[in-house]
Amino acid sequence: MSMTGTQIRAARVLLEMEQSELAERASVSINTVRNMEAKGGQVVRVRLDTLMKVQKALEDAGVQFIAKNGGGVGVRLKEGASDD
C-alpha cells in the first residue's frame, strides 16, 4: 500500500504520538519520519521495508489506513482502539 505524508501525520496525531515515539516504535530515525510527513499529500517514496515498518508501528498502535475509494485515502482509529 502506498501512503502519503499527510496520512502518516494524521495517523500519528490521532494516536497522540510524537514523531520521536513513532520513530522509536518503527526503528527508523526521527529524520525519516519528518521527511516522510513533509511529503504532504504526495505519495511517500522510501524503501519498502521502511514504509512497512512505519505502517506496522501505526497499525499496531491502533490506526487503520483507508485506501483510495472514491472519497480519497485516509486514516481512522480501529474499532475498539483505546485513546490511552
C-alpha atoms as a PDB file:
ATOM      1  CA  MET A   1       0.000   0.000   0.000  1.00  0.00           C
ATOM      2  CA  SER A   2       1.222   3.487  -0.730  1.00  0.00           C
ATOM      3  CA  MET A   3       0.828   6.218   1.863  1.00  0.00           C
ATOM      4  CA  THR A   4       1.020   9.977   1.768  1.00  0.00           C
ATOM      5  CA  GLY A   5       2.880  12.141   4.237  1.00  0.00           C
ATOM      6  CA  THR A   6      -0.446  13.590   5.320  1.00  0.00           C
ATOM      7  CA  GLN A   7      -1.790  10.109   6.138  1.00  0.00           C
ATOM      8  CA  ILE A   8       1.233   9.350   8.286  1.00  0.00           C
ATOM      9  CA  ARG A   9       0.941  12.651  10.138  1.00  0.00           C
ATOM     10  CA  ALA A  10      -2.841  12.232  10.575  1.00  0.00           C
ATOM     11  CA  ALA A  11      -2.403   8.699  11.923  1.00  0.00           C
ATOM     12  CA  ARG A  12       0.219   9.875  14.382  1.00  0.00           C
ATOM     13  CA  VAL A  13      -1.942  12.778  15.558  1.00  0.00           C
ATOM     14  CA  LEU A  14      -4.991  10.514  16.025  1.00  0.00           C
ATOM     15  CA  LEU A  15      -2.834   8.404  18.303  1.00  0.00           C
ATOM     16  CA  GLU A  16      -1.475  11.471  20.107  1.00  0.00           C
ATOM     17  CA  MET A  17       2.002  10.211  19.258  1.00  0.00           C
ATOM     18  CA  GLU A  18       5.103  12.370  18.858  1.00  0.00           C
ATOM     19  CA  GLN A  19       7.383  11.925  15.843  1.00  0.00           C
ATOM     20  CA  SER A  20      10.102  10.624  18.150  1.00  0.00           C
ATOM     21  CA  GLU A  21       7.810   7.912  19.522  1.00  0.00           C
ATOM     22  CA  LEU A  22       6.836   6.777  16.023  1.00  0.00           C
ATOM     23  CA  ALA A  23      10.490   6.694  15.012  1.00  0.00           C
ATOM     24  CA  GLU A  24      11.313   4.548  18.037  1.00  0.00           C
ATOM     25  CA  ARG A  25       8.379   2.181  17.526  1.00  0.00           C
ATOM     26  CA  ALA A  26       9.222   1.772  13.824  1.00  0.00           C
ATOM     27  CA  SER A  27      13.003   1.512  14.396  1.00  0.00           C
ATOM     28  CA  VAL A  28      13.711   4.368  11.988  1.00  0.00           C
ATOM     29  CA  SER A  29      15.327   7.748  12.541  1.00  0.00           C
ATOM     30  CA  ILE A  30      13.268  10.761  13.524  1.00  0.00           C
ATOM     31  CA  ASN A  31      14.549  12.462  10.357  1.00  0.00           C
ATOM     32  CA  THR A  32      12.983   9.663   8.319  1.00  0.00           C
ATOM     33  CA  VAL A  33       9.603  10.318   9.965  1.00  0.00           C
ATOM     34  CA  ARG A  34       9.981  14.081   9.443  1.00  0.00           C
ATOM     35  CA  ASN A  35      10.908  13.618   5.787  1.00  0.00           C
ATOM     36  CA  MET A  36       8.018  11.238   5.190  1.00  0.00           C
ATOM     37  CA  GLU A  37       5.489  13.623   6.741  1.00  0.00           C
ATOM     38  CA  ALA A  38       6.983  16.563   4.825  1.00  0.00           C
ATOM     39  CA  LYS A  39       5.743  14.986   1.571  1.00  0.00           C
ATOM     40  CA  GLY A  40       2.254  16.241   2.436  1.00  0.00           C
ATOM     41  CA  GLY A  41      -0.345  14.928   0.010  1.00  0.00           C
ATOM     42  CA  GLN A  42       2.266  13.255  -2.172  1.00  0.00           C
ATOM     43  CA  VAL A  43       2.916   9.516  -2.010  1.00  0.00           C
ATOM     44  CA  VAL A  44       5.931   8.825   0.197  1.00  0.00           C
ATOM     45  CA  ARG A  45       8.832   7.347  -1.755  1.00  0.00           C
ATOM     46  CA  VAL A  46      11.146   5.431   0.577  1.00  0.00           C
ATOM     47  CA  ARG A  47      12.490   1.905   0.783  1.00  0.00           C
ATOM     48  CA  LEU A  48       9.631  -0.565   1.033  1.00  0.00           C
ATOM     49  CA  ASP A  49      10.895  -2.001   4.325  1.00  0.00           C
ATOM     50  CA  THR A  50      10.970   1.493   5.855  1.00  0.00           C
ATOM     51  CA  LEU A  51       7.414   2.208   4.735  1.00  0.00           C
ATOM     52  CA  MET A  52       6.245  -1.153   6.070  1.00  0.00           C
ATOM     53  CA  LYS A  53       7.876  -0.538   9.474  1.00  0.00           C
ATOM     54  CA  VAL A  54       6.169   2.834   9.846  1.00  0.00           C
ATOM     55  CA  GLN A  55       2.814   1.459   8.698  1.00  0.00           C
ATOM     56  CA  LYS A  56       3.061  -1.517  11.071  1.00  0.00           C
ATOM     57  CA  ALA A  57       4.000   0.698  14.028  1.00  0.00           C
ATOM     58  CA  LEU A  58       0.974   2.896  13.418  1.00  0.00           C
ATOM     59  CA  GLU A  59      -1.373  -0.034  12.837  1.00  0.00           C
ATOM     60  CA  ASP A  60      -0.112  -1.812  15.962  1.00  0.00           C
ATOM     61  CA  ALA A  61      -0.865   1.372  17.913  1.00  0.00           C
ATOM     62  CA  GLY A  62      -4.487   1.345  16.703  1.00  0.00           C
ATOM     63  CA  VAL A  63      -4.772   3.071  13.325  1.00  0.00           C
ATOM     64  CA  GLN A  64      -6.322   1.700  10.163  1.00  0.00           C
ATOM     65  CA  PHE A  65      -5.252   3.052   6.777  1.00  0.00           C
ATOM     66  CA  ILE A  66      -8.035   3.610   4.262  1.00  0.00           C
ATOM     67  CA  ALA A  67      -7.209   3.056   0.610  1.00  0.00           C
ATOM     68  CA  LYS A  68      -8.445   5.371  -2.118  1.00  0.00           C
ATOM     69  CA  ASN A  69     -12.119   4.537  -2.523  1.00  0.00           C
ATOM     70  CA  GLY A  70     -13.844   7.373  -4.306  1.00  0.00           C
ATOM     71  CA  GLY A  71     -13.643   9.516  -1.195  1.00  0.00           C
ATOM     72  CA  GLY A  72      -9.869   9.502  -1.173  1.00  0.00           C
ATOM     73  CA  VAL A  73      -7.241   7.975   1.069  1.00  0.00           C
ATOM     74  CA  GLY A  74      -7.354   8.428   4.820  1.00  0.00           C
ATOM     75  CA  VAL A  75      -6.857   7.001   8.286  1.00  0.00           C
ATOM     76  CA  ARG A  76      -9.094   6.192  11.216  1.00  0.00           C
ATOM     77  CA  LEU A  77      -8.817   4.630  14.629  1.00  0.00           C
ATOM     78  CA  LYS A  78      -9.579   0.922  14.618  1.00  0.00           C
ATOM     79  CA  GLU A  79     -12.808  -0.033  16.272  1.00  0.00           C
ATOM     80  CA  GLY A  80     -12.117  -0.766  19.905  1.00  0.00           C
ATOM     81  CA  ALA A  81      -8.830   1.129  19.892  1.00  0.00           C
ATOM     82  CA  SER A  82      -8.430   2.990  23.130  1.00  0.00           C
ATOM     83  CA  ASP A  83      -7.141   6.515  23.321  1.00  0.00           C
ATOM     84  CA  ASP A  84      -4.857   5.896  26.278  1.00  0.00           C
END
